[in-house]
């Protein structure tokens, strides 16, 4: 059954993950009319649980989203499953075209569409993603503590990742793979921390049962590992923003593409805010939720300022003289 939507909203939130739902919660509690449009493709769906989130550590991602939706609806916000396929600027806001052909109007937009992880093209790797093929020490590091960890050099942060995971395990191997050679400083750092560097291209990730078991090199060498750390290229979602002249740019750290925003989440286009991984690729769930809340508060303040300006202008207009007056 298609959900009944209003013709217009104070804010349309695009993306229903931690950032989008927390922004919507702040706005709904501020008595703003809010619609969240969620495509239902969360980045962390393969993970068993969300970690590093106070009072919700270990909660399955699907449960976190379900609870968030319930809380937004409790305060009058709407959450609709679907996609945004286009946005057009109008005099008083935006026309938002939905994937099912419907259109709604919004005075402000909060974009929290997240990103897509482009994984290294190594056979057997994708199947283990989010379980024992990892990228974030804060999201999944505790779960692989004291295990045999491999780090696949696929990006500019790979050496840094090896050092971070060394905090969690004494057994870390750095697979140089096809990445550029380590700098002298990086090589010294890894050696000083007891991280073994293995040269040669990795041609497959091997599993035994339902667990990662080893990494195979092009020369046939097999190195037993229980977890593998990778650096996916992170690409922000948000193709519809091109309608407004907003396009992703290369992240300064060389880790992928993001949509730039200022410290409050405000984009270069008036009336548009960004929160979460769409603008900050390395933000974990807690940081994304906080960014969504901050952006929601900024949007509400912006609307209050606009409404106050209009009220002052109306207050200053002289009252027309009626019969017998003047």
C-alpha atoms as a PDB file:
ATOM      1  CA  UNK A   1       0.000   0.000   0.000  1.00  0.00           C
ATOM      2  CA  UNK A   2       1.377   3.409  -0.997  1.00  0.00           C
ATOM      3  CA  UNK A   3       1.847   5.736   1.973  1.00  0.00           C
ATOM      4  CA  UNK A   4      -0.179   8.942   1.854  1.00  0.00           C
ATOM      5  CA  UNK A   5       2.117  11.960   1.614  1.00  0.00           C
ATOM      6  CA  UNK A   6       1.456  15.638   2.164  1.00  0.00           C
ATOM      7  CA  UNK A   7       1.967  18.100  -0.687  1.00  0.00           C
ATOM      8  CA  UNK A   8       4.644  20.032   1.164  1.00  0.00           C
ATOM      9  CA  UNK A   9       6.945  19.765   4.169  1.00  0.00           C
ATOM     10  CA  UNK A  10       9.217  22.031   6.117  1.00  0.00           C
ATOM     11  CA  UNK A  11      12.033  19.546   5.516  1.00  0.00           C
ATOM     12  CA  UNK A  12      12.550  16.507   3.316  1.00  0.00           C
ATOM     13  CA  UNK A  13      15.318  14.249   4.598  1.00  0.00           C
ATOM     14  CA  UNK A  14      16.871  12.045   1.929  1.00  0.00           C
ATOM     15  CA  UNK A  15      18.331   8.939   3.544  1.00  0.00           C
ATOM     16  CA  UNK A  16      17.095   7.047   6.579  1.00  0.00           C
ATOM     17  CA  UNK A  17      20.253   5.895   8.337  1.00  0.00           C
ATOM     18  CA  UNK A  18      21.665   7.239  11.592  1.00  0.00           C
ATOM     19  CA  UNK A  19      22.314  10.748  10.243  1.00  0.00           C
ATOM     20  CA  UNK A  20      19.004  11.163   8.446  1.00  0.00           C
ATOM     21  CA  UNK A  21      16.824   9.736  11.201  1.00  0.00           C
ATOM     22  CA  UNK A  22      18.543  11.690  13.975  1.00  0.00           C
ATOM     23  CA  UNK A  23      18.185  14.892  11.972  1.00  0.00           C
ATOM     24  CA  UNK A  24      14.517  14.097  11.390  1.00  0.00           C
ATOM     25  CA  UNK A  25      14.042  13.383  15.097  1.00  0.00           C
ATOM     26  CA  UNK A  26      15.408  16.789  16.078  1.00  0.00           C
ATOM     27  CA  UNK A  27      13.204  18.496  13.483  1.00  0.00           C
ATOM     28  CA  UNK A  28      10.059  16.565  14.400  1.00  0.00           C
ATOM     29  CA  UNK A  29      10.578  17.398  18.067  1.00  0.00           C
ATOM     30  CA  UNK A  30      10.820  21.043  16.992  1.00  0.00           C
ATOM     31  CA  UNK A  31       7.310  20.679  15.511  1.00  0.00           C
ATOM     32  CA  UNK A  32       8.547  20.750  11.933  1.00  0.00           C
ATOM     33  CA  UNK A  33       6.754  18.774   9.257  1.00  0.00           C
ATOM     34  CA  UNK A  34       9.309  16.208   8.112  1.00  0.00           C
ATOM     35  CA  UNK A  35       9.415  13.499   5.478  1.00  0.00           C
ATOM     36  CA  UNK A  36      12.244  10.958   5.444  1.00  0.00           C
ATOM     37  CA  UNK A  37      12.715   9.189   2.109  1.00  0.00           C
ATOM     38  CA  UNK A  38      14.794   6.040   2.550  1.00  0.00           C
ATOM     39  CA  UNK A  39      16.018   3.753  -0.244  1.00  0.00           C
ATOM     40  CA  UNK A  40      16.673   0.955   2.248  1.00  0.00           C
ATOM     41  CA  UNK A  41      20.283   0.207   1.279  1.00  0.00           C
ATOM     42  CA  UNK A  42      22.333   0.932   4.431  1.00  0.00           C
ATOM     43  CA  UNK A  43      26.093   0.736   4.153  1.00  0.00           C
ATOM     44  CA  UNK A  44      26.420  -1.361   7.304  1.00  0.00           C
ATOM     45  CA  UNK A  45      23.753  -3.935   6.409  1.00  0.00           C
ATOM     46  CA  UNK A  46      26.259  -6.854   6.222  1.00  0.00           C
ATOM     47  CA  UNK A  47      27.465  -6.244   9.794  1.00  0.00           C
ATOM     48  CA  UNK A  48      26.070  -8.254  12.702  1.00  0.00           C
ATOM     49  CA  UNK A  49      25.983  -5.247  14.986  1.00  0.00           C
ATOM     50  CA  UNK A  50      26.653  -1.546  15.398  1.00  0.00           C
ATOM     51  CA  UNK A  51      29.543  -0.782  17.744  1.00  0.00           C
ATOM     52  CA  UNK A  52      30.869   2.278  19.516  1.00  0.00           C
ATOM     53  CA  UNK A  53      27.360   3.712  19.921  1.00  0.00           C
ATOM     54  CA  UNK A  54      26.572   4.479  23.547  1.00  0.00           C
ATOM     55  CA  UNK A  55      23.713   2.394  25.005  1.00  0.00           C
ATOM     56  CA  UNK A  56      23.222   0.635  21.653  1.00  0.00           C
ATOM     57  CA  UNK A  57      26.532  -1.212  21.293  1.00  0.00           C
ATOM     58  CA  UNK A  58      26.063  -4.484  19.418  1.00  0.00           C
ATOM     59  CA  UNK A  59      22.553  -3.710  18.201  1.00  0.00           C
ATOM     60  CA  UNK A  60      21.851  -5.094  14.697  1.00  0.00           C
ATOM     61  CA  UNK A  61      21.773  -2.285  12.103  1.00  0.00           C
ATOM     62  CA  UNK A  62      18.232  -3.192  11.033  1.00  0.00           C
ATOM     63  CA  UNK A  63      16.977  -2.892  14.610  1.00  0.00           C
ATOM     64  CA  UNK A  64      18.648   0.496  15.057  1.00  0.00           C
ATOM     65  CA  UNK A  65      16.923   1.788  11.918  1.00  0.00           C
ATOM     66  CA  UNK A  66      13.556   0.326  12.969  1.00  0.00           C
ATOM     67  CA  UNK A  67      13.766   2.010  16.381  1.00  0.00           C
ATOM     68  CA  UNK A  68      14.844   5.277  14.787  1.00  0.00           C
ATOM     69  CA  UNK A  69      11.886   5.243  12.413  1.00  0.00           C
ATOM     70  CA  UNK A  70       9.533   4.561  15.309  1.00  0.00           C
ATOM     71  CA  UNK A  71      10.924   7.511  17.266  1.00  0.00           C
ATOM     72  CA  UNK A  72      10.603   9.909  14.310  1.00  0.00           C
ATOM     73  CA  UNK A  73       6.995   8.821  13.751  1.00  0.00           C
ATOM     74  CA  UNK A  74       6.229   9.224  17.461  1.00  0.00           C
ATOM     75  CA  UNK A  75       6.702  12.978  17.039  1.00  0.00           C
ATOM     76  CA  UNK A  76       4.703  13.277  13.833  1.00  0.00           C
ATOM     77  CA  UNK A  77       7.443  12.756  11.261  1.00  0.00           C
ATOM     78  CA  UNK A  78       6.843  10.578   8.218  1.00  0.00           C
ATOM     79  CA  UNK A  79       9.188   7.886   6.915  1.00  0.00           C
ATOM     80  CA  UNK A  80       8.622   6.589   3.402  1.00  0.00           C
ATOM     81  CA  UNK A  81      10.467   3.832   1.542  1.00  0.00           C
ATOM     82  CA  UNK A  82      11.661   4.932  -1.875  1.00  0.00           C
ATOM     83  CA  UNK A  83      14.201   6.983  -3.753  1.00  0.00           C
ATOM     84  CA  UNK A  84      14.613  10.602  -4.764  1.00  0.00           C
ATOM     85  CA  UNK A  85      15.255  10.823  -8.497  1.00  0.00           C
ATOM     86  CA  UNK A  86      15.423  14.595  -8.889  1.00  0.00           C
ATOM     87  CA  UNK A  87      15.273  17.963  -7.126  1.00  0.00           C
ATOM     88  CA  UNK A  88      14.299  21.290  -8.689  1.00  0.00           C
ATOM     89  CA  UNK A  89      14.892  24.668  -7.088  1.00  0.00           C
ATOM     90  CA  UNK A  90      11.772  26.799  -6.640  1.00  0.00           C
ATOM     91  CA  UNK A  91      11.206  30.300  -5.318  1.00  0.00           C
ATOM     92  CA  UNK A  92      10.248  29.101  -1.839  1.00  0.00           C
ATOM     93  CA  UNK A  93      12.190  25.854  -1.628  1.00  0.00           C
ATOM     94  CA  UNK A  94      12.463  22.671  -3.646  1.00  0.00           C
ATOM     95  CA  UNK A  95      10.322  20.289  -5.660  1.00  0.00           C
ATOM     96  CA  UNK A  96      11.411  16.752  -4.833  1.00  0.00           C
ATOM     97  CA  UNK A  97      10.615  14.060  -7.410  1.00  0.00           C
ATOM     98  CA  UNK A  98      10.258  10.567  -5.957  1.00  0.00           C
ATOM     99  CA  UNK A  99      11.025   7.319  -7.696  1.00  0.00           C
ATOM    100  CA  UNK A 100       7.365   6.263  -7.802  1.00  0.00           C
ATOM    101  CA  UNK A 101       6.398   9.342  -9.817  1.00  0.00           C
ATOM    102  CA  UNK A 102       5.060  11.425  -6.944  1.00  0.00           C
ATOM    103  CA  UNK A 103       6.435  14.843  -6.054  1.00  0.00           C
ATOM    104  CA  UNK A 104       6.515  16.823  -2.815  1.00  0.00           C
ATOM    105  CA  UNK A 105       7.738  20.280  -1.915  1.00  0.00           C
ATOM    106  CA  UNK A 106      10.255  21.110   0.777  1.00  0.00           C
ATOM    107  CA  UNK A 107      11.407  24.385   2.273  1.00  0.00           C
ATOM    108  CA  UNK A 108      14.736  22.785   3.202  1.00  0.00           C
ATOM    109  CA  UNK A 109      16.629  19.600   2.324  1.00  0.00           C
ATOM    110  CA  UNK A 110      18.754  17.395   4.554  1.00  0.00           C
ATOM    111  CA  UNK A 111      20.759  14.927   2.470  1.00  0.00           C
ATOM    112  CA  UNK A 112      22.031  11.890   4.373  1.00  0.00           C
ATOM    113  CA  UNK A 113      22.338   9.337   1.588  1.00  0.00           C
ATOM    114  CA  UNK A 114      25.617   7.827   2.772  1.00  0.00           C
ATOM    115  CA  UNK A 115      28.131   6.198   0.469  1.00  0.00           C
ATOM    116  CA  UNK A 116      28.995   3.060  -1.441  1.00  0.00           C
ATOM    117  CA  UNK A 117      32.121   1.062  -0.597  1.00  0.00           C
ATOM    118  CA  UNK A 118      33.937   0.042  -3.786  1.00  0.00           C
ATOM    119  CA  UNK A 119      35.791  -3.064  -2.653  1.00  0.00           C
ATOM    120  CA  UNK A 120      39.076  -4.389  -4.068  1.00  0.00           C
ATOM    121  CA  UNK A 121      38.529  -6.812  -6.942  1.00  0.00           C
ATOM    122  CA  UNK A 122      39.922  -9.900  -5.236  1.00  0.00           C
ATOM    123  CA  UNK A 123      38.020 -13.206  -5.520  1.00  0.00           C
ATOM    124  CA  UNK A 124      36.468 -14.293  -2.230  1.00  0.00           C
ATOM    125  CA  UNK A 125      36.768 -10.884  -0.584  1.00  0.00           C
ATOM    126  CA  UNK A 126      33.293  -9.447  -1.162  1.00  0.00           C
ATOM    127  CA  UNK A 127      31.604 -12.520   0.304  1.00  0.00           C
ATOM    128  CA  UNK A 128      33.253 -11.869   3.678  1.00  0.00           C
ATOM    129  CA  UNK A 129      32.708  -8.076   3.713  1.00  0.00           C
ATOM    130  CA  UNK A 130      31.290  -6.784   6.974  1.00  0.00           C
ATOM    131  CA  UNK A 131      32.109  -9.994   8.817  1.00  0.00           C
ATOM    132  CA  UNK A 132      35.829 -10.824   8.767  1.00  0.00           C
ATOM    133  CA  UNK A 133      36.792  -8.503   5.905  1.00  0.00           C
ATOM    134  CA  UNK A 134      36.795  -5.118   7.635  1.00  0.00           C
ATOM    135  CA  UNK A 135      37.950  -1.536   7.328  1.00  0.00           C
ATOM    136  CA  UNK A 136      37.280   0.274  10.626  1.00  0.00           C
ATOM    137  CA  UNK A 137      39.099  -0.519  13.894  1.00  0.00           C
ATOM    138  CA  UNK A 138      36.424   1.237  15.932  1.00  0.00           C
ATOM    139  CA  UNK A 139      33.470  -0.497  14.286  1.00  0.00           C
ATOM    140  CA  UNK A 140      34.811  -4.071  14.292  1.00  0.00           C
ATOM    141  CA  UNK A 141      38.293  -4.066  15.810  1.00  0.00           C
ATOM    142  CA  UNK A 142      37.348  -5.485  19.199  1.00  0.00           C
ATOM    143  CA  UNK A 143      35.723  -8.466  17.510  1.00  0.00           C
ATOM    144  CA  UNK A 144      39.048  -9.472  15.883  1.00  0.00           C
ATOM    145  CA  UNK A 145      41.262  -8.752  18.896  1.00  0.00           C
ATOM    146  CA  UNK A 146      44.164 -11.182  19.283  1.00  0.00           C
ATOM    147  CA  UNK A 147      43.369 -12.791  15.927  1.00  0.00           C
ATOM    148  CA  UNK A 148      45.683 -13.223  12.945  1.00  0.00           C
ATOM    149  CA  UNK A 149      44.938 -10.015  11.033  1.00  0.00           C
ATOM    150  CA  UNK A 150      45.977  -9.152   7.501  1.00  0.00           C
ATOM    151  CA  UNK A 151      45.949  -5.670   5.979  1.00  0.00           C
ATOM    152  CA  UNK A 152      45.540  -5.517   2.202  1.00  0.00           C
ATOM    153  CA  UNK A 153      47.298  -2.443   0.796  1.00  0.00           C
ATOM    154  CA  UNK A 154      44.668  -0.885  -1.444  1.00  0.00           C
ATOM    155  CA  UNK A 155      44.684   2.793  -0.508  1.00  0.00           C
ATOM    156  CA  UNK A 156      46.651   5.693   0.961  1.00  0.00           C
ATOM    157  CA  UNK A 157      45.493   4.831   4.487  1.00  0.00           C
ATOM    158  CA  UNK A 158      46.557   1.163   4.440  1.00  0.00           C
ATOM    159  CA  UNK A 159      49.784   1.614   6.418  1.00  0.00           C
ATOM    160  CA  UNK A 160      47.865   3.671   8.970  1.00  0.00           C
ATOM    161  CA  UNK A 161      45.273   0.897   9.215  1.00  0.00           C
ATOM    162  CA  UNK A 162      48.013  -1.630   9.938  1.00  0.00           C
ATOM    163  CA  UNK A 163      49.258   0.487  12.831  1.00  0.00           C
ATOM    164  CA  UNK A 164      45.730   0.918  14.186  1.00  0.00           C
ATOM    165  CA  UNK A 165      44.973  -2.809  14.117  1.00  0.00           C
ATOM    166  CA  UNK A 166      48.340  -3.526  15.737  1.00  0.00           C
ATOM    167  CA  UNK A 167      46.783  -2.016  18.859  1.00  0.00           C
ATOM    168  CA  UNK A 168      44.258  -4.857  18.762  1.00  0.00           C
ATOM    169  CA  UNK A 169      46.454  -7.811  17.845  1.00  0.00           C
ATOM    170  CA  UNK A 170      50.129  -8.794  18.066  1.00  0.00           C
ATOM    171  CA  UNK A 171      49.804 -10.754  14.809  1.00  0.00           C
ATOM    172  CA  UNK A 172      49.389  -8.298  11.928  1.00  0.00           C
ATOM    173  CA  UNK A 173      50.654  -8.910   8.388  1.00  0.00           C
ATOM    174  CA  UNK A 174      50.768  -6.146   5.776  1.00  0.00           C
ATOM    175  CA  UNK A 175      50.129  -7.429   2.245  1.00  0.00           C
ATOM    176  CA  UNK A 176      51.784  -4.979  -0.153  1.00  0.00           C
ATOM    177  CA  UNK A 177      49.621  -6.299  -3.025  1.00  0.00           C
ATOM    178  CA  UNK A 178      49.610  -3.890  -6.002  1.00  0.00           C
ATOM    179  CA  UNK A 179      49.921  -0.664  -3.997  1.00  0.00           C
ATOM    180  CA  UNK A 180      52.840   1.765  -4.452  1.00  0.00           C
ATOM    181  CA  UNK A 181      55.874   0.909  -2.301  1.00  0.00           C
ATOM    182  CA  UNK A 182      55.877   2.044   1.299  1.00  0.00           C
ATOM    183  CA  UNK A 183      57.868   5.149   2.114  1.00  0.00           C
ATOM    184  CA  UNK A 184      60.995   4.670   4.198  1.00  0.00           C
ATOM    185  CA  UNK A 185      59.179   6.184   7.166  1.00  0.00           C
ATOM    186  CA  UNK A 186      56.197   3.856   6.799  1.00  0.00           C
ATOM    187  CA  UNK A 187      58.416   0.796   6.422  1.00  0.00           C
ATOM    188  CA  UNK A 188      60.309   1.746   9.575  1.00  0.00           C
ATOM    189  CA  UNK A 189      57.075   2.285  11.504  1.00  0.00           C
ATOM    190  CA  UNK A 190      55.689  -1.119  10.541  1.00  0.00           C
ATOM    191  CA  UNK A 191      58.971  -2.833  11.359  1.00  0.00           C
ATOM    192  CA  UNK A 192      59.179  -1.089  14.720  1.00  0.00           C
ATOM    193  CA  UNK A 193      55.713  -2.345  15.609  1.00  0.00           C
ATOM    194  CA  UNK A 194      56.472  -5.904  14.546  1.00  0.00           C
ATOM    195  CA  UNK A 195      54.205  -5.851  11.498  1.00  0.00           C
ATOM    196  CA  UNK A 196      55.487  -8.223   8.822  1.00  0.00           C
ATOM    197  CA  UNK A 197      55.348  -6.972   5.222  1.00  0.00           C
ATOM    198  CA  UNK A 198      54.550  -9.574   2.554  1.00  0.00           C
ATOM    199  CA  UNK A 199      55.181  -8.574  -1.053  1.00  0.00           C
ATOM    200  CA  UNK A 200      53.363  -9.935  -4.078  1.00  0.00           C
ATOM    201  CA  UNK A 201      49.870  -9.634  -5.507  1.00  0.00           C
ATOM    202  CA  UNK A 202      47.000 -11.151  -3.540  1.00  0.00           C
ATOM    203  CA  UNK A 203      44.894 -13.245  -5.932  1.00  0.00           C
ATOM    204  CA  UNK A 204      42.238 -14.648  -3.594  1.00  0.00           C
ATOM    205  CA  UNK A 205      40.783 -14.665  -0.120  1.00  0.00           C
ATOM    206  CA  UNK A 206      40.037 -18.203   1.034  1.00  0.00           C
ATOM    207  CA  UNK A 207      37.458 -19.404   3.527  1.00  0.00           C
ATOM    208  CA  UNK A 208      36.922 -22.604   5.463  1.00  0.00           C
ATOM    209  CA  UNK A 209      33.348 -23.257   6.422  1.00  0.00           C
ATOM    210  CA  UNK A 210      31.924 -19.832   7.170  1.00  0.00           C
ATOM    211  CA  UNK A 211      35.158 -18.187   8.285  1.00  0.00           C
ATOM    212  CA  UNK A 212      38.011 -16.442   6.537  1.00  0.00           C
ATOM    213  CA  UNK A 213      41.018 -18.768   6.599  1.00  0.00           C
ATOM    214  CA  UNK A 214      43.839 -17.500   4.389  1.00  0.00           C
ATOM    215  CA  UNK A 215      45.162 -15.137   1.752  1.00  0.00           C
ATOM    216  CA  UNK A 216      46.664 -16.593  -1.431  1.00  0.00           C
ATOM    217  CA  UNK A 217      49.401 -14.792  -3.388  1.00  0.00           C
ATOM    218  CA  UNK A 218      50.114 -14.951  -7.107  1.00  0.00           C
ATOM    219  CA  UNK A 219      53.172 -17.154  -6.533  1.00  0.00           C
ATOM    220  CA  UNK A 220      51.033 -19.735  -4.739  1.00  0.00           C
ATOM    221  CA  UNK A 221      52.025 -18.750  -1.214  1.00  0.00           C
ATOM    222  CA  UNK A 222      49.171 -19.121   1.265  1.00  0.00           C
ATOM    223  CA  UNK A 223      49.228 -17.026   4.436  1.00  0.00           C
ATOM    224  CA  UNK A 224      46.776 -18.050   7.132  1.00  0.00           C
ATOM    225  CA  UNK A 225      44.657 -15.157   8.425  1.00  0.00           C
ATOM    226  CA  UNK A 226      41.462 -14.880  10.451  1.00  0.00           C
ATOM    227  CA  UNK A 227      40.553 -11.323   9.434  1.00  0.00           C
ATOM    228  CA  UNK A 228      41.487  -9.035   6.565  1.00  0.00           C
ATOM    229  CA  UNK A 229      41.468  -5.244   6.628  1.00  0.00           C
ATOM    230  CA  UNK A 230      40.887  -3.344   3.377  1.00  0.00           C
ATOM    231  CA  UNK A 231      40.580   0.278   2.253  1.00  0.00           C
ATOM    232  CA  UNK A 232      37.543   0.481  -0.013  1.00  0.00           C
ATOM    233  CA  UNK A 233      37.143   3.500  -2.232  1.00  0.00           C
ATOM    234  CA  UNK A 234      34.267   5.422  -0.678  1.00  0.00           C
ATOM    235  CA  UNK A 235      31.887   7.062  -3.146  1.00  0.00           C
ATOM    236  CA  UNK A 236      29.113   9.332  -1.888  1.00  0.00           C
ATOM    237  CA  UNK A 237      25.563   8.668  -3.030  1.00  0.00           C
ATOM    238  CA  UNK A 238      23.585  11.637  -4.308  1.00  0.00           C
ATOM    239  CA  UNK A 239      23.385  11.776  -8.085  1.00  0.00           C
ATOM    240  CA  UNK A 240      20.143  13.764  -7.862  1.00  0.00           C
ATOM    241  CA  UNK A 241      22.095  16.677  -6.355  1.00  0.00           C
ATOM    242  CA  UNK A 242      23.513  17.426  -9.809  1.00  0.00           C
ATOM    243  CA  UNK A 243      20.127  19.037 -10.521  1.00  0.00           C
ATOM    244  CA  UNK A 244      21.140  21.715  -8.006  1.00  0.00           C
ATOM    245  CA  UNK A 245      24.708  22.044  -9.245  1.00  0.00           C
ATOM    246  CA  UNK A 246      26.171  19.950  -6.433  1.00  0.00           C
ATOM    247  CA  UNK A 247      28.639  17.261  -7.455  1.00  0.00           C
ATOM    248  CA  UNK A 248      30.991  15.031  -5.483  1.00  0.00           C
ATOM    249  CA  UNK A 249      34.670  15.913  -5.327  1.00  0.00           C
ATOM    250  CA  UNK A 250      37.744  13.915  -4.412  1.00  0.00           C
ATOM    251  CA  UNK A 251      38.245  13.721  -0.658  1.00  0.00           C
ATOM    252  CA  UNK A 252      41.451  15.457   0.536  1.00  0.00           C
ATOM    253  CA  UNK A 253      42.699  12.184   2.047  1.00  0.00           C
ATOM    254  CA  UNK A 254      42.444  10.404  -1.303  1.00  0.00           C
ATOM    255  CA  UNK A 255      39.954   7.841   0.021  1.00  0.00           C
ATOM    256  CA  UNK A 256      37.154   8.498  -2.455  1.00  0.00           C
ATOM    257  CA  UNK A 257      34.530  11.125  -3.254  1.00  0.00           C
ATOM    258  CA  UNK A 258      32.305  13.212  -0.999  1.00  0.00           C
ATOM    259  CA  UNK A 259      29.989  16.207  -1.154  1.00  0.00           C
ATOM    260  CA  UNK A 260      31.627  19.149   0.657  1.00  0.00           C
ATOM    261  CA  UNK A 261      29.823  21.003   3.439  1.00  0.00           C
ATOM    262  CA  UNK A 262      30.774  23.483   6.134  1.00  0.00           C
ATOM    263  CA  UNK A 263      31.109  22.601   9.812  1.00  0.00           C
ATOM    264  CA  UNK A 264      27.336  22.846  10.326  1.00  0.00           C
ATOM    265  CA  UNK A 265      26.549  20.631   7.333  1.00  0.00           C
ATOM    266  CA  UNK A 266      25.458  23.509   5.109  1.00  0.00           C
ATOM    267  CA  UNK A 267      26.133  22.925   1.397  1.00  0.00           C
ATOM    268  CA  UNK A 268      27.034  25.565  -1.176  1.00  0.00           C
ATOM    269  CA  UNK A 269      23.395  25.688  -2.333  1.00  0.00           C
ATOM    270  CA  UNK A 270      21.162  27.697   0.039  1.00  0.00           C
ATOM    271  CA  UNK A 271      18.613  25.529   1.786  1.00  0.00           C
ATOM    272  CA  UNK A 272      20.588  22.282   1.500  1.00  0.00           C
ATOM    273  CA  UNK A 273      22.373  20.529   4.375  1.00  0.00           C
ATOM    274  CA  UNK A 274      24.457  17.356   4.346  1.00  0.00           C
ATOM    275  CA  UNK A 275      25.136  14.924   7.190  1.00  0.00           C
ATOM    276  CA  UNK A 276      26.887  11.616   7.700  1.00  0.00           C
ATOM    277  CA  UNK A 277      28.988   9.632   5.251  1.00  0.00           C
ATOM    278  CA  UNK A 278      27.749  11.561   2.213  1.00  0.00           C
ATOM    279  CA  UNK A 279      30.015  14.398   3.339  1.00  0.00           C
ATOM    280  CA  UNK A 280      32.288  12.723   5.935  1.00  0.00           C
ATOM    281  CA  UNK A 281      33.289   9.272   4.616  1.00  0.00           C
ATOM    282  CA  UNK A 282      35.101   8.202   7.782  1.00  0.00           C
ATOM    283  CA  UNK A 283      32.306   9.059  10.240  1.00  0.00           C
ATOM    284  CA  UNK A 284      31.119   6.019  12.191  1.00  0.00           C
ATOM    285  CA  UNK A 285      27.498   5.550  13.223  1.00  0.00           C
ATOM    286  CA  UNK A 286      27.706   7.691  16.355  1.00  0.00           C
ATOM    287  CA  UNK A 287      29.437  10.550  14.566  1.00  0.00           C
ATOM    288  CA  UNK A 288      26.930  10.374  11.712  1.00  0.00           C
ATOM    289  CA  UNK A 289      24.014  10.482  14.138  1.00  0.00           C
ATOM    290  CA  UNK A 290      25.554  13.493  15.882  1.00  0.00           C
ATOM    291  CA  UNK A 291      26.066  15.259  12.543  1.00  0.00           C
ATOM    292  CA  UNK A 292      22.440  14.618  11.648  1.00  0.00           C
ATOM    293  CA  UNK A 293      21.263  16.091  14.942  1.00  0.00           C
ATOM    294  CA  UNK A 294      23.465  19.159  14.478  1.00  0.00           C
ATOM    295  CA  UNK A 295      22.226  19.695  10.925  1.00  0.00           C
ATOM    296  CA  UNK A 296      18.622  19.291  12.048  1.00  0.00           C
ATOM    297  CA  UNK A 297      19.106  21.962  14.701  1.00  0.00           C
ATOM    298  CA  UNK A 298      20.729  24.303  12.168  1.00  0.00           C
ATOM    299  CA  UNK A 299      17.854  23.809   9.727  1.00  0.00           C
ATOM    300  CA  UNK A 300      15.280  24.553  12.405  1.00  0.00           C
ATOM    301  CA  UNK A 301      17.177  27.702  13.410  1.00  0.00           C
ATOM    302  CA  UNK A 302      17.345  28.767   9.762  1.00  0.00           C
ATOM    303  CA  UNK A 303      13.575  28.328   9.387  1.00  0.00           C
ATOM    304  CA  UNK A 304      12.934  30.236  12.618  1.00  0.00           C
ATOM    305  CA  UNK A 305      15.079  33.112  11.324  1.00  0.00           C
ATOM    306  CA  UNK A 306      13.187  33.158   8.023  1.00  0.00           C
ATOM    307  CA  UNK A 307       9.795  33.086   9.738  1.00  0.00           C
ATOM    308  CA  UNK A 308      10.866  35.854  12.106  1.00  0.00           C
ATOM    309  CA  UNK A 309      11.998  38.079   9.221  1.00  0.00           C
ATOM    310  CA  UNK A 310       8.650  37.603   7.502  1.00  0.00           C
ATOM    311  CA  UNK A 311       6.744  38.287  10.725  1.00  0.00           C
ATOM    312  CA  UNK A 312       8.698  41.491  11.368  1.00  0.00           C
ATOM    313  CA  UNK A 313       8.058  42.682   7.812  1.00  0.00           C
ATOM    314  CA  UNK A 314       4.340  42.008   8.186  1.00  0.00           C
ATOM    315  CA  UNK A 315       4.300  43.695  11.588  1.00  0.00           C
ATOM    316  CA  UNK A 316       5.824  46.846  10.112  1.00  0.00           C
ATOM    317  CA  UNK A 317       3.269  47.191   7.326  1.00  0.00           C
ATOM    318  CA  UNK A 318       0.789  49.968   8.045  1.00  0.00           C
ATOM    319  CA  UNK A 319      -2.784  48.882   8.706  1.00  0.00           C
ATOM    320  CA  UNK A 320      -5.025  50.171   5.886  1.00  0.00           C
ATOM    321  CA  UNK A 321      -7.332  52.940   7.033  1.00  0.00           C
ATOM    322  CA  UNK A 322     -10.961  51.839   7.213  1.00  0.00           C
ATOM    323  CA  UNK A 323     -14.118  53.929   6.704  1.00  0.00           C
ATOM    324  CA  UNK A 324     -14.191  56.922   8.986  1.00  0.00           C
ATOM    325  CA  UNK A 325     -10.479  56.634   9.778  1.00  0.00           C
ATOM    326  CA  UNK A 326      -7.577  58.813   8.735  1.00  0.00           C
END
